[in-house]
All heavy atoms as atom14 arrays in JSON, in Angstrom:
{
  "sequence": "NIAIHGLEWDLLIPLVIGSVPGTILGSRLAPRVAQSIIRRGIVIVLTM",
  "atom14_mask": [
    [1, 1, 1, 1, 1, 1, 1, 1, 0, 0, 0, 0, 0, 0],
    [1, 1, 1, 1, 1, 1, 1, 1, 0, 0, 0, 0, 0, 0],
    [1, 1, 1, 1, 1, 0, 0, 0, 0, 0, 0, 0, 0, 0],
    [1, 1, 1, 1, 1, 1, 1, 1, 0, 0, 0, 0, 0, 0],
    [1, 1, 1, 1, 1, 1, 1, 1, 1, 1, 0, 0, 0, 0],
    [1, 1, 1, 1, 0, 0, 0, 0, 0, 0, 0, 0, 0, 0],
    [1, 1, 1, 1, 1, 1, 1, 1, 0, 0, 0, 0, 0, 0],
    [1, 1, 1, 1, 1, 1, 1, 1, 1, 0, 0, 0, 0, 0],
    [1, 1, 1, 1, 1, 1, 1, 1, 1, 1, 1, 1, 1, 1],
    [1, 1, 1, 1, 1, 1, 1, 1, 0, 0, 0, 0, 0, 0],
    [1, 1, 1, 1, 1, 1, 1, 1, 0, 0, 0, 0, 0, 0],
    [1, 1, 1, 1, 1, 1, 1, 1, 0, 0, 0, 0, 0, 0],
    [1, 1, 1, 1, 1, 1, 1, 1, 0, 0, 0, 0, 0, 0],
    [1, 1, 1, 1, 1, 1, 1, 0, 0, 0, 0, 0, 0, 0],
    [1, 1, 1, 1, 1, 1, 1, 1, 0, 0, 0, 0, 0, 0],
    [1, 1, 1, 1, 1, 1, 1, 0, 0, 0, 0, 0, 0, 0],
    [1, 1, 1, 1, 1, 1, 1, 1, 0, 0, 0, 0, 0, 0],
    [1, 1, 1, 1, 0, 0, 0, 0, 0, 0, 0, 0, 0, 0],
    [1, 1, 1, 1, 1, 1, 0, 0, 0, 0, 0, 0, 0, 0],
    [1, 1, 1, 1, 1, 1, 1, 0, 0, 0, 0, 0, 0, 0],
    [1, 1, 1, 1, 1, 1, 1, 0, 0, 0, 0, 0, 0, 0],
    [1, 1, 1, 1, 0, 0, 0, 0, 0, 0, 0, 0, 0, 0],
    [1, 1, 1, 1, 1, 1, 1, 0, 0, 0, 0, 0, 0, 0],
    [1, 1, 1, 1, 1, 1, 1, 1, 0, 0, 0, 0, 0, 0],
    [1, 1, 1, 1, 1, 1, 1, 1, 0, 0, 0, 0, 0, 0],
    [1, 1, 1, 1, 0, 0, 0, 0, 0, 0, 0, 0, 0, 0],
    [1, 1, 1, 1, 1, 1, 0, 0, 0, 0, 0, 0, 0, 0],
    [1, 1, 1, 1, 1, 1, 1, 1, 1, 1, 1, 0, 0, 0],
    [1, 1, 1, 1, 1, 1, 1, 1, 0, 0, 0, 0, 0, 0],
    [1, 1, 1, 1, 1, 0, 0, 0, 0, 0, 0, 0, 0, 0],
    [1, 1, 1, 1, 1, 1, 1, 0, 0, 0, 0, 0, 0, 0],
    [1, 1, 1, 1, 1, 1, 1, 1, 1, 1, 1, 0, 0, 0],
    [1, 1, 1, 1, 1, 1, 1, 0, 0, 0, 0, 0, 0, 0],
    [1, 1, 1, 1, 1, 0, 0, 0, 0, 0, 0, 0, 0, 0],
    [1, 1, 1, 1, 1, 1, 1, 1, 1, 0, 0, 0, 0, 0],
    [1, 1, 1, 1, 1, 1, 0, 0, 0, 0, 0, 0, 0, 0],
    [1, 1, 1, 1, 1, 1, 1, 1, 0, 0, 0, 0, 0, 0],
    [1, 1, 1, 1, 1, 1, 1, 1, 0, 0, 0, 0, 0, 0],
    [1, 1, 1, 1, 1, 1, 1, 1, 1, 1, 1, 0, 0, 0],
    [1, 1, 1, 1, 1, 1, 1, 1, 1, 1, 1, 0, 0, 0],
    [1, 1, 1, 1, 0, 0, 0, 0, 0, 0, 0, 0, 0, 0],
    [1, 1, 1, 1, 1, 1, 1, 1, 0, 0, 0, 0, 0, 0],
    [1, 1, 1, 1, 1, 1, 1, 0, 0, 0, 0, 0, 0, 0],
    [1, 1, 1, 1, 1, 1, 1, 1, 0, 0, 0, 0, 0, 0],
    [1, 1, 1, 1, 1, 1, 1, 0, 0, 0, 0, 0, 0, 0],
    [1, 1, 1, 1, 1, 1, 1, 1, 0, 0, 0, 0, 0, 0],
    [1, 1, 1, 1, 1, 1, 1, 0, 0, 0, 0, 0, 0, 0],
    [1, 1, 1, 1, 1, 1, 1, 1, 0, 0, 0, 0, 0, 0]
  ],
  "atom14_positions": [
    [[-17.19, -11.4, 22.79], [-17.23, -9.95, 23.03], [-18.33, -9.28, 22.22], [-18.97, -8.33, 22.71], [-15.86, -9.34, 22.68], [-14.87, -9.43, 23.83], [-14.92, -8.66, 24.78], [-13.97, -10.4, 23.74], [0.0, 0.0, 0.0], [0.0, 0.0, 0.0], [0.0, 0.0, 0.0], [0.0, 0.0, 0.0], [0.0, 0.0, 0.0], [0.0, 0.0, 0.0]],
    [[-18.58, -9.75, 20.99], [-19.67, -9.19, 20.19], [-21.02, -9.46, 20.85], [-21.9, -8.58, 20.88], [-19.64, -9.78, 18.75], [-18.42, -9.25, 17.99], [-20.92, -9.42, 18.0], [-18.19, -9.94, 16.65], [0.0, 0.0, 0.0], [0.0, 0.0, 0.0], [0.0, 0.0, 0.0], [0.0, 0.0, 0.0], [0.0, 0.0, 0.0], [0.0, 0.0, 0.0]],
    [[-21.19, -10.69, 21.38], [-22.46, -11.03, 22.05], [-22.72, -10.13, 23.25], [-23.87, -9.79, 23.54], [-22.43, -12.5, 22.48], [0.0, 0.0, 0.0], [0.0, 0.0, 0.0], [0.0, 0.0, 0.0], [0.0, 0.0, 0.0], [0.0, 0.0, 0.0], [0.0, 0.0, 0.0], [0.0, 0.0, 0.0], [0.0, 0.0, 0.0], [0.0, 0.0, 0.0]],
    [[-21.66, -9.72, 23.94], [-21.83, -8.9, 25.14], [-21.9, -7.41, 24.81], [-22.78, -6.69, 25.29], [-20.67, -9.16, 26.12], [-20.65, -10.61, 26.57], [-20.78, -8.23, 27.34], [-19.41, -11.01, 27.34], [0.0, 0.0, 0.0], [0.0, 0.0, 0.0], [0.0, 0.0, 0.0], [0.0, 0.0, 0.0], [0.0, 0.0, 0.0], [0.0, 0.0, 0.0]],
    [[-20.96, -6.95, 23.97], [-20.79, -5.51, 23.76], [-21.25, -5.01, 22.38], [-21.33, -3.81, 22.17], [-19.32, -5.11, 23.95], [-18.73, -5.58, 25.24], [-19.15, -5.11, 26.46], [-17.74, -6.48, 25.51], [-18.45, -5.69, 27.43], [-17.6, -6.53, 26.88], [0.0, 0.0, 0.0], [0.0, 0.0, 0.0], [0.0, 0.0, 0.0], [0.0, 0.0, 0.0]],
    [[-21.53, -5.94, 21.46], [-21.84, -5.53, 20.1], [-20.57, -5.22, 19.32], [-19.45, -5.27, 19.87], [0.0, 0.0, 0.0], [0.0, 0.0, 0.0], [0.0, 0.0, 0.0], [0.0, 0.0, 0.0], [0.0, 0.0, 0.0], [0.0, 0.0, 0.0], [0.0, 0.0, 0.0], [0.0, 0.0, 0.0], [0.0, 0.0, 0.0], [0.0, 0.0, 0.0]],
    [[-20.72, -4.93, 18.04], [-19.58, -4.64, 17.17], [-19.77, -3.28, 16.53], [-20.8, -3.01, 15.92], [-19.46, -5.72, 16.08], [-18.33, -5.56, 15.08], [-16.97, -5.6, 15.77], [-18.41, -6.66, 14.01], [0.0, 0.0, 0.0], [0.0, 0.0, 0.0], [0.0, 0.0, 0.0], [0.0, 0.0, 0.0], [0.0, 0.0, 0.0], [0.0, 0.0, 0.0]],
    [[-18.77, -2.42, 16.67], [-18.82, -1.09, 16.07], [-18.12, -1.13, 14.71], [-16.89, -1.19, 14.63], [-18.17, -0.07, 17.01], [-18.92, 0.09, 18.33], [-18.43, 1.26, 19.17], [-17.63, 2.07, 18.65], [-18.85, 1.36, 20.34], [0.0, 0.0, 0.0], [0.0, 0.0, 0.0], [0.0, 0.0, 0.0], [0.0, 0.0, 0.0], [0.0, 0.0, 0.0]],
    [[-18.93, -1.08, 13.65], [-18.4, -1.22, 12.3], [-17.5, -0.05, 11.92], [-16.58, -0.21, 11.11], [-19.56, -1.34, 11.31], [-20.31, -2.63, 11.45], [-21.45, -2.84, 12.17], [-19.95, -3.9, 10.9], [-21.83, -4.16, 12.09], [-20.94, -4.83, 11.31], [-18.91, -4.34, 10.08], [-20.89, -6.18, 10.95], [-18.86, -5.68, 9.71], [-19.85, -6.59, 10.14]],
    [[-17.76, 1.13, 12.5], [-16.91, 2.27, 12.16], [-15.5, 2.14, 12.74], [-14.59, 2.85, 12.33], [-17.56, 3.58, 12.64], [-17.82, 3.6, 14.13], [-17.9, 2.51, 14.73], [-17.94, 4.69, 14.7], [0.0, 0.0, 0.0], [0.0, 0.0, 0.0], [0.0, 0.0, 0.0], [0.0, 0.0, 0.0], [0.0, 0.0, 0.0], [0.0, 0.0, 0.0]],
    [[-15.33, 1.19, 13.66], [-14.0, 0.84, 14.14], [-13.39, -0.29, 13.32], [-12.22, -0.24, 12.94], [-14.08, 0.4, 15.61], [-13.78, 1.4, 16.72], [-14.02, 0.74, 18.08], [-12.37, 1.9, 16.63], [0.0, 0.0, 0.0], [0.0, 0.0, 0.0], [0.0, 0.0, 0.0], [0.0, 0.0, 0.0], [0.0, 0.0, 0.0], [0.0, 0.0, 0.0]],
    [[-14.2, -1.3, 13.05], [-13.71, -2.51, 12.39], [-13.29, -2.25, 10.94], [-12.21, -2.7, 10.51], [-14.78, -3.6, 12.42], [-14.42, -4.9, 11.7], [-13.24, -5.58, 12.36], [-15.62, -5.84, 11.64], [0.0, 0.0, 0.0], [0.0, 0.0, 0.0], [0.0, 0.0, 0.0], [0.0, 0.0, 0.0], [0.0, 0.0, 0.0], [0.0, 0.0, 0.0]],
    [[-14.11, -1.54, 10.18], [-13.84, -1.39, 8.74], [-12.52, -0.69, 8.45], [-11.69, -1.23, 7.7], [-15.02, -0.67, 8.05], [-16.24, -1.59, 8.02], [-14.66, -0.24, 6.63], [-17.5, -0.96, 7.49], [0.0, 0.0, 0.0], [0.0, 0.0, 0.0], [0.0, 0.0, 0.0], [0.0, 0.0, 0.0], [0.0, 0.0, 0.0], [0.0, 0.0, 0.0]],
    [[-12.23, 0.49, 9.04], [-10.92, 1.09, 8.77], [-9.76, 0.27, 9.32], [-8.66, 0.29, 8.76], [-11.01, 2.46, 9.46], [-12.08, 2.33, 10.46], [-13.06, 1.38, 9.89], [0.0, 0.0, 0.0], [0.0, 0.0, 0.0], [0.0, 0.0, 0.0], [0.0, 0.0, 0.0], [0.0, 0.0, 0.0], [0.0, 0.0, 0.0], [0.0, 0.0, 0.0]],
    [[-10.02, -0.47, 10.4], [-8.98, -1.32, 10.98], [-8.58, -2.42, 10.0], [-7.38, -2.68, 9.78], [-9.51, -1.94, 12.28], [-8.49, -2.52, 13.26], [-7.47, -1.48, 13.65], [-9.22, -3.05, 14.49], [0.0, 0.0, 0.0], [0.0, 0.0, 0.0], [0.0, 0.0, 0.0], [0.0, 0.0, 0.0], [0.0, 0.0, 0.0], [0.0, 0.0, 0.0]],
    [[-9.56, -3.06, 9.39], [-9.28, -4.11, 8.41], [-8.66, -3.53, 7.14], [-7.69, -4.07, 6.6], [-10.57, -4.89, 8.07], [-10.33, -5.87, 6.93], [-11.09, -5.63, 9.31], [0.0, 0.0, 0.0], [0.0, 0.0, 0.0], [0.0, 0.0, 0.0], [0.0, 0.0, 0.0], [0.0, 0.0, 0.0], [0.0, 0.0, 0.0], [0.0, 0.0, 0.0]],
    [[-9.22, -2.4, 6.67], [-8.7, -1.77, 5.45], [-7.22, -1.4, 5.61], [-6.43, -1.52, 4.67], [-9.52, -0.52, 5.09], [-10.94, -0.93, 4.67], [-8.86, 0.28, 3.97], [-11.87, 0.25, 4.45], [0.0, 0.0, 0.0], [0.0, 0.0, 0.0], [0.0, 0.0, 0.0], [0.0, 0.0, 0.0], [0.0, 0.0, 0.0], [0.0, 0.0, 0.0]],
    [[-6.84, -0.98, 6.81], [-5.45, -0.6, 7.04], [-4.55, -1.77, 7.35], [-3.43, -1.87, 6.82], [0.0, 0.0, 0.0], [0.0, 0.0, 0.0], [0.0, 0.0, 0.0], [0.0, 0.0, 0.0], [0.0, 0.0, 0.0], [0.0, 0.0, 0.0], [0.0, 0.0, 0.0], [0.0, 0.0, 0.0], [0.0, 0.0, 0.0], [0.0, 0.0, 0.0]],
    [[-5.0, -2.71, 8.19], [-4.11, -3.76, 8.69], [-3.79, -4.83, 7.66], [-2.66, -5.33, 7.63], [-4.72, -4.41, 9.94], [-5.97, -5.01, 9.64], [0.0, 0.0, 0.0], [0.0, 0.0, 0.0], [0.0, 0.0, 0.0], [0.0, 0.0, 0.0], [0.0, 0.0, 0.0], [0.0, 0.0, 0.0], [0.0, 0.0, 0.0], [0.0, 0.0, 0.0]],
    [[-4.74, -5.19, 6.81], [-4.49, -6.27, 5.85], [-3.4, -5.89, 4.84], [-2.4, -6.62, 4.7], [-5.8, -6.69, 5.13], [-5.5, -7.64, 3.99], [-6.76, -7.34, 6.13], [0.0, 0.0, 0.0], [0.0, 0.0, 0.0], [0.0, 0.0, 0.0], [0.0, 0.0, 0.0], [0.0, 0.0, 0.0], [0.0, 0.0, 0.0], [0.0, 0.0, 0.0]],
    [[-3.5, -4.76, 4.13], [-2.4, -4.39, 3.24], [-1.11, -4.07, 4.0], [-0.01, -4.3, 3.49], [-2.92, -3.15, 2.51], [-4.03, -2.63, 3.33], [-4.62, -3.8, 4.02], [0.0, 0.0, 0.0], [0.0, 0.0, 0.0], [0.0, 0.0, 0.0], [0.0, 0.0, 0.0], [0.0, 0.0, 0.0], [0.0, 0.0, 0.0], [0.0, 0.0, 0.0]],
    [[-1.24, -3.55, 5.24], [-0.05, -3.28, 6.04], [0.72, -4.55, 6.34], [1.96, -4.58, 6.26], [0.0, 0.0, 0.0], [0.0, 0.0, 0.0], [0.0, 0.0, 0.0], [0.0, 0.0, 0.0], [0.0, 0.0, 0.0], [0.0, 0.0, 0.0], [0.0, 0.0, 0.0], [0.0, 0.0, 0.0], [0.0, 0.0, 0.0], [0.0, 0.0, 0.0]],
    [[0.01, -5.62, 6.67], [0.66, -6.9, 6.95], [1.37, -7.43, 5.7], [2.49, -7.94, 5.78], [-0.38, -7.92, 7.45], [-1.07, -7.38, 8.59], [0.29, -9.23, 7.83], [0.0, 0.0, 0.0], [0.0, 0.0, 0.0], [0.0, 0.0, 0.0], [0.0, 0.0, 0.0], [0.0, 0.0, 0.0], [0.0, 0.0, 0.0], [0.0, 0.0, 0.0]],
    [[0.7, -7.33, 4.56], [1.31, -7.79, 3.3], [2.56, -6.98, 2.97], [3.61, -7.53, 2.61], [0.29, -7.69, 2.15], [-0.89, -8.63, 2.4], [0.95, -8.0, 0.81], [-2.06, -8.43, 1.45], [0.0, 0.0, 0.0], [0.0, 0.0, 0.0], [0.0, 0.0, 0.0], [0.0, 0.0, 0.0], [0.0, 0.0, 0.0], [0.0, 0.0, 0.0]],
    [[2.47, -5.65, 3.12], [3.62, -4.78, 2.85], [4.78, -5.09, 3.79], [5.94, -5.17, 3.36], [3.19, -3.32, 2.99], [4.28, -2.25, 2.79], [4.88, -2.36, 1.39], [3.72, -0.86, 3.03], [0.0, 0.0, 0.0], [0.0, 0.0, 0.0], [0.0, 0.0, 0.0], [0.0, 0.0, 0.0], [0.0, 0.0, 0.0], [0.0, 0.0, 0.0]],
    [[4.46, -5.27, 5.07], [5.5, -5.58, 6.04], [6.21, -6.88, 5.73], [7.44, -6.99, 5.87], [0.0, 0.0, 0.0], [0.0, 0.0, 0.0], [0.0, 0.0, 0.0], [0.0, 0.0, 0.0], [0.0, 0.0, 0.0], [0.0, 0.0, 0.0], [0.0, 0.0, 0.0], [0.0, 0.0, 0.0], [0.0, 0.0, 0.0], [0.0, 0.0, 0.0]],
    [[5.44, -7.88, 5.29], [6.03, -9.18, 4.92], [7.02, -9.04, 3.76], [8.06, -9.7, 3.73], [4.93, -10.17, 4.55], [4.03, -10.36, 5.62], [0.0, 0.0, 0.0], [0.0, 0.0, 0.0], [0.0, 0.0, 0.0], [0.0, 0.0, 0.0], [0.0, 0.0, 0.0], [0.0, 0.0, 0.0], [0.0, 0.0, 0.0], [0.0, 0.0, 0.0]],
    [[6.69, -8.17, 2.81], [7.58, -7.98, 1.66], [8.8, -7.15, 2.02], [9.87, -7.3, 1.4], [6.8, -7.32, 0.53], [5.7, -8.23, -0.04], [5.03, -7.63, -1.25], [4.04, -8.55, -1.81], [3.3, -8.28, -2.88], [3.43, -7.12, -3.5], [2.44, -9.18, -3.33], [0.0, 0.0, 0.0], [0.0, 0.0, 0.0], [0.0, 0.0, 0.0]],
    [[8.66, -6.26, 3.01], [9.79, -5.42, 3.42], [10.73, -6.14, 4.38], [11.88, -5.71, 4.55], [9.27, -4.14, 4.1], [8.57, -3.11, 3.22], [8.02, -1.99, 4.09], [9.53, -2.54, 2.18], [0.0, 0.0, 0.0], [0.0, 0.0, 0.0], [0.0, 0.0, 0.0], [0.0, 0.0, 0.0], [0.0, 0.0, 0.0], [0.0, 0.0, 0.0]],
    [[10.26, -7.21, 5.01], [11.01, -7.88, 6.08], [12.46, -8.21, 5.71], [13.37, -7.97, 6.51], [10.27, -9.13, 6.53], [0.0, 0.0, 0.0], [0.0, 0.0, 0.0], [0.0, 0.0, 0.0], [0.0, 0.0, 0.0], [0.0, 0.0, 0.0], [0.0, 0.0, 0.0], [0.0, 0.0, 0.0], [0.0, 0.0, 0.0], [0.0, 0.0, 0.0]],
    [[12.72, -8.78, 4.51], [14.11, -9.13, 4.2], [15.05, -7.92, 4.08], [16.26, -8.07, 4.14], [13.99, -9.84, 2.83], [12.56, -10.26, 2.72], [11.8, -9.2, 3.45], [0.0, 0.0, 0.0], [0.0, 0.0, 0.0], [0.0, 0.0, 0.0], [0.0, 0.0, 0.0], [0.0, 0.0, 0.0], [0.0, 0.0, 0.0], [0.0, 0.0, 0.0]],
    [[14.49, -6.72, 3.91], [15.32, -5.53, 3.69], [15.49, -4.68, 4.94], [16.14, -3.64, 4.89], [14.7, -4.66, 2.59], [14.46, -5.39, 1.27], [13.87, -4.44, 0.25], [13.61, -5.1, -1.02], [12.48, -5.7, -1.33], [11.49, -5.73, -0.45], [12.31, -6.28, -2.5], [0.0, 0.0, 0.0], [0.0, 0.0, 0.0], [0.0, 0.0, 0.0]],
    [[14.87, -5.08, 6.05], [14.86, -4.24, 7.25], [15.63, -4.93, 8.38], [15.58, -6.15, 8.53], [13.4, -3.97, 7.71], [13.38, -3.16, 8.98], [12.64, -3.24, 6.6], [0.0, 0.0, 0.0], [0.0, 0.0, 0.0], [0.0, 0.0, 0.0], [0.0, 0.0, 0.0], [0.0, 0.0, 0.0], [0.0, 0.0, 0.0], [0.0, 0.0, 0.0]],
    [[16.36, -4.13, 9.16], [17.13, -4.64, 10.29], [16.18, -5.1, 11.39], [15.6, -4.29, 12.11], [18.08, -3.57, 10.82], [0.0, 0.0, 0.0], [0.0, 0.0, 0.0], [0.0, 0.0, 0.0], [0.0, 0.0, 0.0], [0.0, 0.0, 0.0], [0.0, 0.0, 0.0], [0.0, 0.0, 0.0], [0.0, 0.0, 0.0], [0.0, 0.0, 0.0]],
    [[16.02, -6.42, 11.51], [15.05, -6.99, 12.45], [15.43, -6.7, 13.91], [14.56, -6.51, 14.75], [14.94, -8.49, 12.23], [14.37, -8.88, 10.88], [12.87, -8.71, 10.84], [12.17, -9.14, 11.73], [12.37, -8.07, 9.81], [0.0, 0.0, 0.0], [0.0, 0.0, 0.0], [0.0, 0.0, 0.0], [0.0, 0.0, 0.0], [0.0, 0.0, 0.0]],
    [[16.72, -6.7, 14.21], [17.15, -6.53, 15.6], [16.63, -5.22, 16.17], [16.15, -5.18, 17.31], [18.68, -6.57, 15.68], [19.16, -7.83, 15.26], [0.0, 0.0, 0.0], [0.0, 0.0, 0.0], [0.0, 0.0, 0.0], [0.0, 0.0, 0.0], [0.0, 0.0, 0.0], [0.0, 0.0, 0.0], [0.0, 0.0, 0.0], [0.0, 0.0, 0.0]],
    [[16.73, -4.15, 15.39], [16.3, -2.83, 15.87], [14.79, -2.81, 16.1], [14.3, -2.32, 17.11], [16.72, -1.74, 14.87], [18.25, -1.67, 14.79], [16.14, -0.39, 15.27], [18.76, -0.73, 13.74], [0.0, 0.0, 0.0], [0.0, 0.0, 0.0], [0.0, 0.0, 0.0], [0.0, 0.0, 0.0], [0.0, 0.0, 0.0], [0.0, 0.0, 0.0]],
    [[14.04, -3.38, 15.14], [12.58, -3.37, 15.25], [12.12, -4.18, 16.45], [11.28, -3.74, 17.24], [11.94, -3.93, 13.97], [12.22, -2.98, 12.81], [10.44, -4.12, 14.14], [11.72, -3.48, 11.5], [0.0, 0.0, 0.0], [0.0, 0.0, 0.0], [0.0, 0.0, 0.0], [0.0, 0.0, 0.0], [0.0, 0.0, 0.0], [0.0, 0.0, 0.0]],
    [[12.69, -5.37, 16.62], [12.25, -6.25, 17.71], [12.63, -5.67, 19.08], [11.88, -5.8, 20.04], [12.85, -7.64, 17.51], [12.25, -8.35, 16.3], [13.05, -9.58, 15.89], [12.62, -10.07, 14.59], [11.69, -11.0, 14.41], [11.09, -11.52, 15.44], [11.36, -11.38, 13.2], [0.0, 0.0, 0.0], [0.0, 0.0, 0.0], [0.0, 0.0, 0.0]],
    [[13.79, -5.04, 19.15], [14.18, -4.37, 20.39], [13.2, -3.22, 20.68], [12.81, -2.99, 21.82], [15.61, -3.85, 20.26], [16.31, -3.63, 21.58], [17.81, -3.73, 21.46], [18.34, -2.99, 20.34], [19.31, -3.43, 19.55], [19.81, -4.63, 19.74], [19.76, -2.69, 18.56], [0.0, 0.0, 0.0], [0.0, 0.0, 0.0], [0.0, 0.0, 0.0]],
    [[12.83, -2.5, 19.62], [11.89, -1.4, 19.77], [10.53, -1.87, 20.24], [9.87, -1.19, 21.04], [0.0, 0.0, 0.0], [0.0, 0.0, 0.0], [0.0, 0.0, 0.0], [0.0, 0.0, 0.0], [0.0, 0.0, 0.0], [0.0, 0.0, 0.0], [0.0, 0.0, 0.0], [0.0, 0.0, 0.0], [0.0, 0.0, 0.0], [0.0, 0.0, 0.0]],
    [[10.1, -3.06, 19.79], [8.8, -3.6, 20.2], [8.78, -3.85, 21.7], [7.81, -3.53, 22.4], [8.48, -4.89, 19.42], [8.09, -4.55, 17.99], [7.36, -5.67, 20.1], [7.88, -5.75, 17.11], [0.0, 0.0, 0.0], [0.0, 0.0, 0.0], [0.0, 0.0, 0.0], [0.0, 0.0, 0.0], [0.0, 0.0, 0.0], [0.0, 0.0, 0.0]],
    [[9.86, -4.44, 22.24], [9.93, -4.7, 23.68], [9.81, -3.39, 24.46], [9.11, -3.3, 25.47], [11.24, -5.43, 24.03], [11.4, -5.56, 25.55], [11.26, -6.82, 23.39], [0.0, 0.0, 0.0], [0.0, 0.0, 0.0], [0.0, 0.0, 0.0], [0.0, 0.0, 0.0], [0.0, 0.0, 0.0], [0.0, 0.0, 0.0], [0.0, 0.0, 0.0]],
    [[10.49, -2.35, 23.97], [10.45, -1.05, 24.65], [9.05, -0.44, 24.57], [8.5, 0.04, 25.57], [11.49, -0.09, 24.02], [12.9, -0.62, 24.27], [11.34, 1.32, 24.61], [13.98, 0.16, 23.53], [0.0, 0.0, 0.0], [0.0, 0.0, 0.0], [0.0, 0.0, 0.0], [0.0, 0.0, 0.0], [0.0, 0.0, 0.0], [0.0, 0.0, 0.0]],
    [[8.44, -0.49, 23.38], [7.1, 0.09, 23.2], [6.07, -0.65, 24.05], [5.2, -0.02, 24.68], [6.7, 0.06, 21.7], [5.23, 0.38, 21.53], [7.55, 1.05, 20.91], [0.0, 0.0, 0.0], [0.0, 0.0, 0.0], [0.0, 0.0, 0.0], [0.0, 0.0, 0.0], [0.0, 0.0, 0.0], [0.0, 0.0, 0.0], [0.0, 0.0, 0.0]],
    [[6.14, -1.96, 24.09], [5.19, -2.74, 24.9], [5.32, -2.38, 26.38], [4.32, -2.23, 27.09], [5.43, -4.24, 24.71], [5.04, -4.85, 23.36], [5.35, -6.33, 23.36], [3.58, -4.62, 23.05], [0.0, 0.0, 0.0], [0.0, 0.0, 0.0], [0.0, 0.0, 0.0], [0.0, 0.0, 0.0], [0.0, 0.0, 0.0], [0.0, 0.0, 0.0]],
    [[6.55, -2.23, 26.85], [6.77, -1.89, 28.25], [6.24, -0.5, 28.57], [5.56, -0.29, 29.59], [8.27, -1.96, 28.59], [8.77, -3.26, 28.25], [8.5, -1.73, 30.08], [0.0, 0.0, 0.0], [0.0, 0.0, 0.0], [0.0, 0.0, 0.0], [0.0, 0.0, 0.0], [0.0, 0.0, 0.0], [0.0, 0.0, 0.0], [0.0, 0.0, 0.0]],
    [[6.53, 0.47, 27.7], [6.03, 1.83, 27.91], [4.51, 1.88, 27.83], [3.85, 2.53, 28.67], [6.64, 2.77, 26.87], [8.14, 2.97, 27.0], [8.83, 3.98, 25.65], [8.08, 5.57, 26.02], [0.0, 0.0, 0.0], [0.0, 0.0, 0.0], [0.0, 0.0, 0.0], [0.0, 0.0, 0.0], [0.0, 0.0, 0.0], [0.0, 0.0, 0.0]]
  ]
}
């Protein structure tokens, strides 16, 4: 995709800055959060 369309750094940089710590935080919160509700919500959000 980069070879065809190029890479927009103003999209990539904030995406990485936000997603990497978000993933780490989510992993640490996982044991304390009701997974059933979140996973059910994901199916609904994906469909919508």
